[in-house]
């Protein structure tokens, strides 16, 4: 069985998103929107897997714990209780 890659998943989602738009020429700021939304989902999912352990999450993501905390605040990622 072939592994489903992250890039294939993103390609599928973006293709569906673009198909559902009435006029793609009306879309603005898509790059920033996609990056922001991917960061939110990525951080939230990994925080859930690590049971909100910021040190473990930052290691998995390859970013510093300080950067992770800044992103959590900047992206308004709620529902995360400090466990570590």
C-alpha atoms as a PDB file:
ATOM      1  CA  UNK A   1       0.000   0.000   0.000  1.00  0.00           C
ATOM      2  CA  UNK A   2       1.287   3.465  -0.920  1.00  0.00           C
ATOM      3  CA  UNK A   3       1.775   5.964   1.867  1.00  0.00           C
ATOM      4  CA  UNK A   4      -0.321   9.118   1.691  1.00  0.00           C
ATOM      5  CA  UNK A   5       2.044  12.082   1.859  1.00  0.00           C
ATOM      6  CA  UNK A   6       1.421  15.446   3.476  1.00  0.00           C
ATOM      7  CA  UNK A   7       1.959  17.170   0.135  1.00  0.00           C
ATOM      8  CA  UNK A   8      -0.678  14.920  -1.494  1.00  0.00           C
ATOM      9  CA  UNK A   9      -3.140  15.737   1.299  1.00  0.00           C
ATOM     10  CA  UNK A  10      -2.492  19.465   0.911  1.00  0.00           C
ATOM     11  CA  UNK A  11      -2.852  19.182  -2.858  1.00  0.00           C
ATOM     12  CA  UNK A  12      -6.236  17.461  -2.461  1.00  0.00           C
ATOM     13  CA  UNK A  13      -7.529  20.040   0.010  1.00  0.00           C
ATOM     14  CA  UNK A  14      -6.375  23.013  -2.060  1.00  0.00           C
ATOM     15  CA  UNK A  15      -7.807  21.508  -5.241  1.00  0.00           C
ATOM     16  CA  UNK A  16     -11.184  21.067  -3.546  1.00  0.00           C
ATOM     17  CA  UNK A  17     -11.030  24.560  -2.053  1.00  0.00           C
ATOM     18  CA  UNK A  18     -10.305  26.134  -5.446  1.00  0.00           C
ATOM     19  CA  UNK A  19     -13.063  24.112  -7.150  1.00  0.00           C
ATOM     20  CA  UNK A  20     -15.606  25.443  -4.644  1.00  0.00           C
ATOM     21  CA  UNK A  21     -14.731  29.087  -5.300  1.00  0.00           C
ATOM     22  CA  UNK A  22     -17.019  31.033  -7.581  1.00  0.00           C
ATOM     23  CA  UNK A  23     -14.158  33.133  -8.941  1.00  0.00           C
ATOM     24  CA  UNK A  24     -10.559  32.334  -8.083  1.00  0.00           C
ATOM     25  CA  UNK A  25      -9.612  35.853  -9.173  1.00  0.00           C
ATOM     26  CA  UNK A  26     -11.481  37.157  -6.117  1.00  0.00           C
ATOM     27  CA  UNK A  27      -9.172  35.277  -3.714  1.00  0.00           C
ATOM     28  CA  UNK A  28      -6.586  37.438  -1.965  1.00  0.00           C
ATOM     29  CA  UNK A  29      -3.961  36.621   0.636  1.00  0.00           C
ATOM     30  CA  UNK A  30      -4.216  32.885   0.095  1.00  0.00           C
ATOM     31  CA  UNK A  31      -0.566  32.208   0.944  1.00  0.00           C
ATOM     32  CA  UNK A  32      -0.791  33.815   4.378  1.00  0.00           C
ATOM     33  CA  UNK A  33      -4.180  32.206   5.051  1.00  0.00           C
ATOM     34  CA  UNK A  34      -2.955  28.704   4.169  1.00  0.00           C
ATOM     35  CA  UNK A  35       0.274  29.018   6.178  1.00  0.00           C
ATOM     36  CA  UNK A  36      -1.615  30.352   9.222  1.00  0.00           C
ATOM     37  CA  UNK A  37      -4.271  27.636   9.075  1.00  0.00           C
ATOM     38  CA  UNK A  38      -1.710  24.857   8.580  1.00  0.00           C
ATOM     39  CA  UNK A  39       0.295  26.132  11.574  1.00  0.00           C
ATOM     40  CA  UNK A  40      -2.832  26.207  13.737  1.00  0.00           C
ATOM     41  CA  UNK A  41      -3.843  22.664  12.843  1.00  0.00           C
ATOM     42  CA  UNK A  42      -0.287  21.308  13.041  1.00  0.00           C
ATOM     43  CA  UNK A  43       0.453  22.803  16.447  1.00  0.00           C
ATOM     44  CA  UNK A  44      -2.951  21.837  17.847  1.00  0.00           C
ATOM     45  CA  UNK A  45      -2.648  18.233  16.649  1.00  0.00           C
ATOM     46  CA  UNK A  46       0.866  17.739  17.978  1.00  0.00           C
ATOM     47  CA  UNK A  47      -0.020  19.394  21.289  1.00  0.00           C
ATOM     48  CA  UNK A  48      -2.926  16.958  21.593  1.00  0.00           C
ATOM     49  CA  UNK A  49      -0.716  13.957  20.791  1.00  0.00           C
ATOM     50  CA  UNK A  50       1.861  15.052  23.384  1.00  0.00           C
ATOM     51  CA  UNK A  51      -0.867  15.871  25.928  1.00  0.00           C
ATOM     52  CA  UNK A  52       0.123  19.572  25.813  1.00  0.00           C
ATOM     53  CA  UNK A  53       3.792  18.945  26.515  1.00  0.00           C
ATOM     54  CA  UNK A  54       5.414  22.003  24.930  1.00  0.00           C
ATOM     55  CA  UNK A  55       8.949  20.638  25.156  1.00  0.00           C
ATOM     56  CA  UNK A  56       8.023  17.424  23.352  1.00  0.00           C
ATOM     57  CA  UNK A  57       5.875  19.322  20.840  1.00  0.00           C
ATOM     58  CA  UNK A  58       8.659  21.778  20.037  1.00  0.00           C
ATOM     59  CA  UNK A  59      11.076  18.866  19.522  1.00  0.00           C
ATOM     60  CA  UNK A  60       8.670  17.094  17.143  1.00  0.00           C
ATOM     61  CA  UNK A  61       8.062  20.332  15.218  1.00  0.00           C
ATOM     62  CA  UNK A  62      11.758  21.265  15.148  1.00  0.00           C
ATOM     63  CA  UNK A  63      11.220  24.692  16.726  1.00  0.00           C
ATOM     64  CA  UNK A  64      12.223  26.131  20.068  1.00  0.00           C
ATOM     65  CA  UNK A  65       9.844  26.030  23.016  1.00  0.00           C
ATOM     66  CA  UNK A  66       9.841  29.833  23.022  1.00  0.00           C
ATOM     67  CA  UNK A  67       8.884  29.937  19.336  1.00  0.00           C
ATOM     68  CA  UNK A  68       6.117  27.413  20.011  1.00  0.00           C
ATOM     69  CA  UNK A  69       4.733  29.545  22.850  1.00  0.00           C
ATOM     70  CA  UNK A  70       4.851  32.662  20.666  1.00  0.00           C
ATOM     71  CA  UNK A  71       3.014  30.866  17.846  1.00  0.00           C
ATOM     72  CA  UNK A  72       0.358  29.532  20.244  1.00  0.00           C
ATOM     73  CA  UNK A  73      -0.278  33.087  21.439  1.00  0.00           C
ATOM     74  CA  UNK A  74      -0.078  34.708  17.986  1.00  0.00           C
ATOM     75  CA  UNK A  75      -2.410  32.149  16.409  1.00  0.00           C
ATOM     76  CA  UNK A  76      -4.863  32.263  19.332  1.00  0.00           C
ATOM     77  CA  UNK A  77      -4.731  28.517  19.746  1.00  0.00           C
ATOM     78  CA  UNK A  78      -7.100  27.943  22.641  1.00  0.00           C
ATOM     79  CA  UNK A  79      -7.887  25.028  24.873  1.00  0.00           C
ATOM     80  CA  UNK A  80      -4.286  24.241  25.676  1.00  0.00           C
ATOM     81  CA  UNK A  81      -3.585  23.798  29.347  1.00  0.00           C
ATOM     82  CA  UNK A  82      -0.031  23.981  30.610  1.00  0.00           C
ATOM     83  CA  UNK A  83       0.923  20.437  31.637  1.00  0.00           C
ATOM     84  CA  UNK A  84       4.709  20.388  31.337  1.00  0.00           C
END
